[in-house]
N, C-alpha and C. Protein backbone atom coordinates (compact mmCIF):
# COMPACT_ATOMS: atom_id res chain seq x y z
N MET A 1 114.63 118.33 72.63
CA MET A 1 115.12 118.18 73.97
C MET A 1 114.16 118.85 74.95
N GLU A 2 113.56 119.97 74.54
CA GLU A 2 112.67 120.69 75.42
C GLU A 2 111.44 119.83 75.77
N ILE A 3 110.91 119.12 74.78
CA ILE A 3 109.75 118.24 75.02
C ILE A 3 110.17 117.13 75.96
N TYR A 4 111.33 116.54 75.72
CA TYR A 4 111.82 115.45 76.56
C TYR A 4 111.97 115.94 78.00
N ASN A 5 112.61 117.09 78.18
CA ASN A 5 112.84 117.62 79.53
C ASN A 5 111.54 117.95 80.24
N ARG A 6 110.54 118.33 79.49
CA ARG A 6 109.24 118.70 80.09
C ARG A 6 108.50 117.47 80.56
N TYR A 7 108.58 116.36 79.83
CA TYR A 7 107.73 115.21 80.13
C TYR A 7 108.44 113.96 80.67
N TYR A 8 109.76 113.89 80.62
CA TYR A 8 110.41 112.62 80.90
C TYR A 8 110.13 112.11 82.32
N ARG A 9 110.14 112.94 83.32
CA ARG A 9 109.96 112.49 84.70
C ARG A 9 108.53 111.91 84.91
N ALA A 10 107.54 112.63 84.41
CA ALA A 10 106.17 112.15 84.58
C ALA A 10 105.95 110.81 83.84
N MET A 11 106.55 110.69 82.66
CA MET A 11 106.39 109.47 81.87
C MET A 11 107.13 108.30 82.53
N TYR A 12 108.30 108.59 83.09
CA TYR A 12 109.04 107.57 83.82
C TYR A 12 108.20 107.08 85.03
N ASN A 13 107.63 108.02 85.77
CA ASN A 13 106.82 107.67 86.95
C ASN A 13 105.60 106.85 86.54
N THR A 14 104.98 107.19 85.42
CA THR A 14 103.81 106.44 84.94
C THR A 14 104.23 105.00 84.65
N ALA A 15 105.31 104.82 83.93
CA ALA A 15 105.79 103.46 83.60
C ALA A 15 106.18 102.71 84.87
N LEU A 16 106.83 103.36 85.79
CA LEU A 16 107.29 102.73 87.02
C LEU A 16 106.11 102.21 87.87
N ARG A 17 105.04 102.96 87.91
CA ARG A 17 103.88 102.52 88.69
C ARG A 17 103.24 101.28 88.10
N ILE A 18 103.48 101.01 86.84
CA ILE A 18 102.88 99.84 86.22
C ILE A 18 103.84 98.64 86.25
N VAL A 19 105.10 98.85 85.88
CA VAL A 19 106.03 97.74 85.79
C VAL A 19 106.83 97.46 87.05
N HIS A 20 106.93 98.41 87.95
CA HIS A 20 107.62 98.25 89.25
C HIS A 20 109.09 97.87 89.11
N HIS A 21 109.75 98.32 88.09
CA HIS A 21 111.16 98.05 87.94
C HIS A 21 111.78 99.29 87.28
N SER A 22 112.69 99.96 87.99
CA SER A 22 113.17 101.25 87.51
C SER A 22 113.90 101.21 86.15
N ALA A 23 114.73 100.16 85.95
CA ALA A 23 115.45 100.09 84.66
C ALA A 23 114.47 99.83 83.52
N GLU A 24 113.50 98.98 83.76
CA GLU A 24 112.49 98.69 82.72
C GLU A 24 111.64 99.91 82.47
N ALA A 25 111.28 100.64 83.51
CA ALA A 25 110.48 101.86 83.35
C ALA A 25 111.25 102.89 82.53
N GLU A 26 112.53 103.01 82.77
CA GLU A 26 113.34 103.95 81.99
C GLU A 26 113.40 103.54 80.52
N ASP A 27 113.56 102.25 80.27
CA ASP A 27 113.58 101.75 78.87
C ASP A 27 112.26 102.05 78.19
N ILE A 28 111.17 101.77 78.90
CA ILE A 28 109.82 102.01 78.31
C ILE A 28 109.65 103.48 78.01
N MET A 29 110.05 104.33 78.96
CA MET A 29 109.92 105.77 78.76
C MET A 29 110.70 106.22 77.52
N GLN A 30 111.92 105.76 77.39
CA GLN A 30 112.73 106.16 76.24
C GLN A 30 112.15 105.62 74.92
N GLU A 31 111.72 104.36 74.93
CA GLU A 31 111.11 103.78 73.75
C GLU A 31 109.83 104.53 73.36
N SER A 32 109.09 104.96 74.37
CA SER A 32 107.86 105.69 74.11
C SER A 32 108.15 107.05 73.49
N PHE A 33 109.17 107.73 73.95
CA PHE A 33 109.56 109.00 73.33
C PHE A 33 109.98 108.80 71.88
N LEU A 34 110.77 107.76 71.64
CA LEU A 34 111.18 107.48 70.26
C LEU A 34 109.97 107.19 69.39
N SER A 35 109.08 106.37 69.88
CA SER A 35 107.87 106.05 69.14
C SER A 35 107.04 107.31 68.86
N ALA A 36 106.90 108.15 69.88
CA ALA A 36 106.11 109.39 69.71
C ALA A 36 106.76 110.29 68.68
N PHE A 37 108.07 110.45 68.73
CA PHE A 37 108.76 111.31 67.77
C PHE A 37 108.68 110.75 66.35
N GLU A 38 108.73 109.41 66.23
CA GLU A 38 108.61 108.80 64.90
C GLU A 38 107.20 108.96 64.34
N LYS A 39 106.19 108.98 65.22
CA LYS A 39 104.81 109.04 64.77
C LYS A 39 104.17 110.39 65.04
N ILE A 40 104.98 111.40 65.14
CA ILE A 40 104.46 112.76 65.48
C ILE A 40 103.47 113.24 64.44
N ASP A 41 103.58 112.77 63.22
CA ASP A 41 102.62 113.17 62.18
C ASP A 41 101.21 112.58 62.45
N GLN A 42 101.11 111.56 63.28
CA GLN A 42 99.83 110.97 63.61
C GLN A 42 99.15 111.66 64.81
N PHE A 43 99.90 112.59 65.45
CA PHE A 43 99.34 113.31 66.60
C PHE A 43 98.28 114.28 66.10
N LYS A 44 97.08 114.12 66.67
CA LYS A 44 95.99 115.03 66.37
C LYS A 44 95.75 115.84 67.62
N ALA A 45 95.51 117.09 67.50
CA ALA A 45 95.38 117.97 68.65
C ALA A 45 94.06 117.78 69.39
N GLU A 46 93.48 116.58 69.33
CA GLU A 46 92.25 116.30 70.07
C GLU A 46 92.52 116.32 71.56
N ALA A 47 93.72 115.94 71.94
CA ALA A 47 94.16 115.97 73.35
C ALA A 47 95.53 116.65 73.38
N SER A 48 96.01 116.94 74.57
CA SER A 48 97.31 117.58 74.66
C SER A 48 98.39 116.56 74.27
N PHE A 49 99.57 117.09 73.94
CA PHE A 49 100.67 116.21 73.58
C PHE A 49 101.03 115.31 74.75
N GLY A 50 100.99 115.88 75.96
CA GLY A 50 101.30 115.09 77.16
C GLY A 50 100.35 113.93 77.35
N ALA A 51 99.08 114.13 77.09
CA ALA A 51 98.09 113.05 77.21
C ALA A 51 98.33 111.98 76.17
N TRP A 52 98.64 112.41 74.95
CA TRP A 52 98.93 111.47 73.86
C TRP A 52 100.18 110.64 74.21
N LEU A 53 101.21 111.30 74.68
CA LEU A 53 102.45 110.61 75.06
C LEU A 53 102.19 109.66 76.22
N LYS A 54 101.41 110.09 77.20
CA LYS A 54 101.12 109.27 78.36
C LYS A 54 100.38 107.99 77.93
N ARG A 55 99.51 108.12 76.95
CA ARG A 55 98.80 106.95 76.47
C ARG A 55 99.76 105.94 75.85
N ILE A 56 100.77 106.45 75.10
CA ILE A 56 101.80 105.58 74.54
C ILE A 56 102.58 104.88 75.65
N VAL A 57 102.96 105.63 76.68
CA VAL A 57 103.71 105.07 77.80
C VAL A 57 102.90 104.02 78.53
N VAL A 58 101.65 104.29 78.80
CA VAL A 58 100.80 103.32 79.50
C VAL A 58 100.64 102.05 78.67
N ASN A 59 100.38 102.18 77.39
CA ASN A 59 100.26 100.99 76.52
C ASN A 59 101.56 100.20 76.49
N ASN A 60 102.69 100.87 76.33
CA ASN A 60 103.98 100.19 76.31
C ASN A 60 104.26 99.51 77.66
N SER A 61 103.91 100.17 78.74
CA SER A 61 104.13 99.61 80.09
C SER A 61 103.29 98.36 80.30
N ILE A 62 102.05 98.42 79.91
CA ILE A 62 101.18 97.26 80.08
C ILE A 62 101.64 96.12 79.20
N ASN A 63 102.04 96.41 78.00
CA ASN A 63 102.56 95.35 77.12
C ASN A 63 103.82 94.71 77.71
N ALA A 64 104.74 95.51 78.22
CA ALA A 64 105.95 94.99 78.82
C ALA A 64 105.63 94.17 80.06
N HIS A 65 104.73 94.68 80.87
CA HIS A 65 104.34 93.96 82.08
C HIS A 65 103.68 92.62 81.73
N SER A 66 102.84 92.61 80.72
CA SER A 66 102.16 91.36 80.32
C SER A 66 103.18 90.34 79.82
N LYS A 67 104.13 90.79 79.01
CA LYS A 67 105.17 89.88 78.47
C LYS A 67 105.99 89.30 79.62
N ARG A 68 106.36 90.13 80.57
CA ARG A 68 107.19 89.70 81.68
C ARG A 68 106.42 88.74 82.59
N SER A 69 105.17 89.07 82.89
CA SER A 69 104.41 88.24 83.81
C SER A 69 104.05 86.88 83.19
N LYS A 70 104.05 86.81 81.87
CA LYS A 70 103.77 85.54 81.18
C LYS A 70 104.88 84.54 81.50
N TYR A 71 106.10 85.00 81.69
CA TYR A 71 107.26 84.14 81.89
C TYR A 71 107.63 83.97 83.35
N GLU A 72 107.03 84.73 84.23
CA GLU A 72 107.34 84.62 85.66
C GLU A 72 106.39 83.65 86.32
N GLU A 73 106.94 82.67 87.00
CA GLU A 73 106.10 81.74 87.72
C GLU A 73 105.77 82.30 89.09
N VAL A 74 106.77 82.88 89.73
CA VAL A 74 106.59 83.45 91.06
C VAL A 74 106.97 84.91 91.02
N SER A 75 106.12 85.77 91.56
CA SER A 75 106.40 87.18 91.58
C SER A 75 107.33 87.49 92.74
N TYR A 76 108.44 88.12 92.45
CA TYR A 76 109.41 88.50 93.49
C TYR A 76 109.28 89.98 93.76
N LYS A 77 109.17 90.33 95.01
CA LYS A 77 109.09 91.72 95.39
C LYS A 77 110.15 92.02 96.43
N ASP A 78 111.02 92.92 96.13
CA ASP A 78 112.01 93.38 97.09
C ASP A 78 111.34 94.54 97.84
N TYR A 79 110.79 94.24 99.01
CA TYR A 79 109.98 95.24 99.71
C TYR A 79 110.74 96.47 100.11
N LEU A 80 112.01 96.33 100.48
CA LEU A 80 112.75 97.54 100.86
C LEU A 80 112.95 98.45 99.64
N LYS A 81 113.25 97.87 98.50
CA LYS A 81 113.40 98.67 97.28
C LYS A 81 112.07 99.32 96.94
N ASN A 82 110.97 98.56 97.02
CA ASN A 82 109.66 99.11 96.68
C ASN A 82 109.24 100.21 97.63
N GLU A 83 109.70 100.15 98.88
CA GLU A 83 109.39 101.25 99.81
C GLU A 83 109.91 102.57 99.25
N ILE A 84 111.07 102.51 98.62
CA ILE A 84 111.66 103.73 98.06
C ILE A 84 111.00 104.09 96.75
N ASP A 85 110.80 103.11 95.86
CA ASP A 85 110.33 103.39 94.52
C ASP A 85 108.84 103.64 94.43
N ASP A 86 108.05 103.14 95.38
CA ASP A 86 106.60 103.26 95.28
C ASP A 86 106.14 104.70 95.15
N ASN A 87 106.85 105.61 95.77
CA ASN A 87 106.37 106.98 95.84
C ASN A 87 106.92 107.89 94.74
N GLU A 88 107.55 107.30 93.75
CA GLU A 88 108.16 108.11 92.68
C GLU A 88 107.17 109.04 91.97
N GLY A 89 105.94 108.61 91.80
CA GLY A 89 104.99 109.39 91.02
C GLY A 89 104.17 110.36 91.84
N ILE A 90 104.33 110.37 93.12
CA ILE A 90 103.56 111.24 94.01
C ILE A 90 104.49 112.35 94.47
N THR A 91 103.93 113.52 94.68
CA THR A 91 104.78 114.65 95.07
C THR A 91 105.36 114.43 96.46
N THR A 92 106.45 115.10 96.77
CA THR A 92 107.12 114.97 98.03
C THR A 92 106.18 115.31 99.19
N THR A 93 105.35 116.33 99.00
CA THR A 93 104.40 116.71 100.04
C THR A 93 103.45 115.56 100.32
N ASP A 94 102.97 114.91 99.27
CA ASP A 94 102.03 113.79 99.41
C ASP A 94 102.66 112.63 100.15
N THR A 95 103.94 112.34 99.85
CA THR A 95 104.58 111.15 100.44
C THR A 95 104.83 111.33 101.92
N GLN A 96 104.82 112.54 102.39
CA GLN A 96 105.01 112.77 103.83
C GLN A 96 103.71 112.52 104.59
N ASN A 97 102.60 112.43 103.89
CA ASN A 97 101.30 112.13 104.48
C ASN A 97 101.21 110.65 104.76
N GLN A 98 101.00 110.29 105.99
CA GLN A 98 100.98 108.88 106.40
C GLN A 98 99.87 108.10 105.71
N LYS A 99 98.71 108.72 105.49
CA LYS A 99 97.59 108.03 104.82
C LYS A 99 97.95 107.67 103.40
N VAL A 100 98.65 108.60 102.68
CA VAL A 100 99.05 108.32 101.31
C VAL A 100 100.01 107.13 101.29
N LYS A 101 100.95 107.10 102.21
CA LYS A 101 101.88 105.97 102.29
C LYS A 101 101.13 104.66 102.54
N MET A 102 100.13 104.70 103.42
CA MET A 102 99.37 103.50 103.72
C MET A 102 98.59 103.01 102.50
N VAL A 103 98.00 103.96 101.76
CA VAL A 103 97.23 103.57 100.57
C VAL A 103 98.15 102.99 99.53
N LEU A 104 99.28 103.65 99.26
CA LEU A 104 100.23 103.13 98.25
C LEU A 104 100.76 101.75 98.61
N ASN A 105 101.08 101.55 99.89
CA ASN A 105 101.55 100.24 100.32
C ASN A 105 100.45 99.19 100.21
N ALA A 106 99.24 99.53 100.58
CA ALA A 106 98.12 98.59 100.46
C ALA A 106 97.87 98.25 99.01
N MET A 107 97.98 99.22 98.11
CA MET A 107 97.76 98.97 96.68
C MET A 107 98.76 97.93 96.16
N GLN A 108 99.97 97.94 96.69
CA GLN A 108 101.00 96.99 96.22
C GLN A 108 100.64 95.55 96.57
N GLU A 109 99.76 95.37 97.55
CA GLU A 109 99.38 94.02 97.99
C GLU A 109 98.16 93.50 97.24
N LEU A 110 97.54 94.32 96.41
CA LEU A 110 96.39 93.88 95.64
C LEU A 110 96.77 92.95 94.53
N LYS A 111 95.77 92.18 94.04
CA LYS A 111 95.99 91.36 92.86
C LYS A 111 96.46 92.28 91.73
N GLU A 112 97.22 91.73 90.83
CA GLU A 112 97.85 92.53 89.76
C GLU A 112 96.85 93.32 88.92
N ASN A 113 95.75 92.67 88.50
CA ASN A 113 94.79 93.39 87.68
C ASN A 113 94.09 94.51 88.46
N TYR A 114 93.86 94.30 89.77
CA TYR A 114 93.28 95.34 90.61
C TYR A 114 94.23 96.51 90.72
N ARG A 115 95.51 96.20 90.98
CA ARG A 115 96.50 97.26 91.14
C ARG A 115 96.65 98.11 89.88
N ILE A 116 96.69 97.45 88.75
CA ILE A 116 96.84 98.19 87.48
C ILE A 116 95.60 99.04 87.21
N CYS A 117 94.44 98.49 87.38
CA CYS A 117 93.19 99.27 87.15
C CYS A 117 93.10 100.44 88.09
N LEU A 118 93.38 100.26 89.37
CA LEU A 118 93.33 101.37 90.32
C LEU A 118 94.38 102.42 90.03
N THR A 119 95.58 102.00 89.65
CA THR A 119 96.61 102.95 89.28
C THR A 119 96.17 103.80 88.10
N LEU A 120 95.66 103.16 87.07
CA LEU A 120 95.21 103.91 85.91
C LEU A 120 94.05 104.84 86.25
N HIS A 121 93.14 104.41 87.11
CA HIS A 121 91.98 105.21 87.41
C HIS A 121 92.27 106.31 88.43
N LEU A 122 92.83 105.93 89.56
CA LEU A 122 93.00 106.89 90.66
C LEU A 122 94.24 107.77 90.53
N ILE A 123 95.33 107.19 90.06
CA ILE A 123 96.58 107.97 90.01
C ILE A 123 96.75 108.61 88.63
N GLU A 124 96.52 107.86 87.56
CA GLU A 124 96.73 108.40 86.22
C GLU A 124 95.54 109.18 85.71
N GLY A 125 94.35 108.96 86.29
CA GLY A 125 93.18 109.74 85.94
C GLY A 125 92.40 109.29 84.71
N TYR A 126 92.60 108.06 84.28
CA TYR A 126 91.85 107.55 83.12
C TYR A 126 90.43 107.20 83.56
N ASP A 127 89.45 107.37 82.65
CA ASP A 127 88.08 106.96 82.96
C ASP A 127 87.89 105.49 82.59
N TYR A 128 86.72 104.95 82.92
CA TYR A 128 86.46 103.53 82.70
C TYR A 128 86.62 103.11 81.24
N GLU A 129 86.10 103.95 80.35
CA GLU A 129 86.16 103.63 78.93
C GLU A 129 87.62 103.57 78.44
N GLU A 130 88.43 104.54 78.86
CA GLU A 130 89.83 104.58 78.45
C GLU A 130 90.59 103.36 78.99
N ILE A 131 90.31 103.02 80.26
CA ILE A 131 90.98 101.86 80.86
C ILE A 131 90.55 100.59 80.13
N GLY A 132 89.27 100.50 79.80
CA GLY A 132 88.80 99.34 79.05
C GLY A 132 89.51 99.20 77.71
N ASP A 133 89.71 100.32 77.03
CA ASP A 133 90.44 100.31 75.75
C ASP A 133 91.88 99.88 75.95
N ILE A 134 92.52 100.44 76.98
CA ILE A 134 93.92 100.13 77.23
C ILE A 134 94.12 98.66 77.58
N LEU A 135 93.26 98.13 78.45
CA LEU A 135 93.41 96.76 78.92
C LEU A 135 92.66 95.75 78.07
N ASN A 136 91.95 96.26 77.05
CA ASN A 136 91.19 95.40 76.14
C ASN A 136 90.12 94.59 76.90
N ILE A 137 89.37 95.31 77.75
CA ILE A 137 88.25 94.71 78.46
C ILE A 137 87.02 95.58 78.24
N SER A 138 85.85 95.03 78.49
CA SER A 138 84.62 95.78 78.29
C SER A 138 84.45 96.85 79.34
N TYR A 139 83.62 97.83 79.04
CA TYR A 139 83.33 98.93 79.97
C TYR A 139 82.77 98.35 81.27
N ALA A 140 81.82 97.43 81.20
CA ALA A 140 81.22 96.81 82.39
C ALA A 140 82.25 96.05 83.21
N ASN A 141 83.11 95.31 82.53
CA ASN A 141 84.16 94.57 83.21
C ASN A 141 85.11 95.52 83.91
N CYS A 142 85.44 96.62 83.27
CA CYS A 142 86.31 97.63 83.87
C CYS A 142 85.71 98.20 85.15
N ARG A 143 84.43 98.59 85.05
CA ARG A 143 83.75 99.15 86.26
C ARG A 143 83.72 98.15 87.38
N THR A 144 83.41 96.90 87.05
CA THR A 144 83.35 95.85 88.07
C THR A 144 84.72 95.62 88.69
N THR A 145 85.74 95.54 87.85
CA THR A 145 87.11 95.33 88.37
C THR A 145 87.53 96.45 89.30
N ILE A 146 87.27 97.67 88.89
CA ILE A 146 87.65 98.83 89.71
C ILE A 146 86.86 98.85 91.01
N SER A 147 85.60 98.54 90.93
CA SER A 147 84.77 98.49 92.13
C SER A 147 85.29 97.41 93.10
N ARG A 148 85.59 96.25 92.59
CA ARG A 148 86.15 95.17 93.42
C ARG A 148 87.54 95.55 93.97
N ALA A 149 88.32 96.22 93.15
CA ALA A 149 89.64 96.63 93.59
C ALA A 149 89.54 97.63 94.73
N LYS A 150 88.61 98.59 94.61
CA LYS A 150 88.43 99.56 95.68
C LYS A 150 87.98 98.86 96.97
N GLU A 151 87.07 97.92 96.85
CA GLU A 151 86.59 97.19 98.02
C GLU A 151 87.72 96.37 98.65
N SER A 152 88.51 95.74 97.83
CA SER A 152 89.68 94.99 98.33
C SER A 152 90.66 95.92 99.03
N LEU A 153 90.89 97.09 98.44
CA LEU A 153 91.77 98.07 99.06
C LEU A 153 91.20 98.54 100.40
N ARG A 154 89.90 98.80 100.45
CA ARG A 154 89.24 99.22 101.71
C ARG A 154 89.47 98.15 102.80
N LYS A 155 89.27 96.88 102.44
CA LYS A 155 89.43 95.80 103.40
C LYS A 155 90.87 95.73 103.91
N LYS A 156 91.84 95.87 102.99
CA LYS A 156 93.24 95.83 103.41
C LYS A 156 93.58 97.00 104.32
N MET A 157 93.02 98.16 103.99
CA MET A 157 93.27 99.37 104.81
C MET A 157 92.68 99.17 106.21
N MET A 158 91.48 98.62 106.29
CA MET A 158 90.83 98.42 107.59
C MET A 158 91.59 97.38 108.41
N LYS A 159 92.07 96.34 107.74
CA LYS A 159 92.83 95.30 108.42
C LYS A 159 94.16 95.85 108.96
N ASP A 160 94.79 96.71 108.15
CA ASP A 160 96.08 97.28 108.56
C ASP A 160 95.92 98.26 109.70
N GLU A 161 94.77 98.91 109.81
CA GLU A 161 94.55 99.87 110.87
C GLU A 161 94.36 99.20 112.22
N LYS A 162 93.93 97.94 112.20
CA LYS A 162 93.69 97.22 113.46
C LYS A 162 94.92 96.80 114.15
């Protein structure tokens, strides 16, 4: 219970930033904890337990997102709900900063692969190689995607400022 209490909120926020659905994020978080506890003997102290668990959550979130997006023809976004949920993973102090709100809102308008790559890189702190492994893309493709995503985000931010 102590491990769960220590990590559940951060893992929920990680899943939510990828799948954008609170109930699904909660399911993913709980499944990830169960998976981690079942495979605890495979945990090697090469990284912290939190980093290992976060990797499980990110992989499960991306898998769930991929399965869901395969069956969705049109992406539905409830913008009022997303206004509330978008900031779940950022501290309260950060969300009061208008620039942070603008960046998070602009990120939601990016193409799906750009949004996921930027979230993993800028918010979750994964490097290019780790993101490539998670998304099953090459290192070069990852760098290019993130570079293009940043440029797309810059353009959206500049357009919104006008």
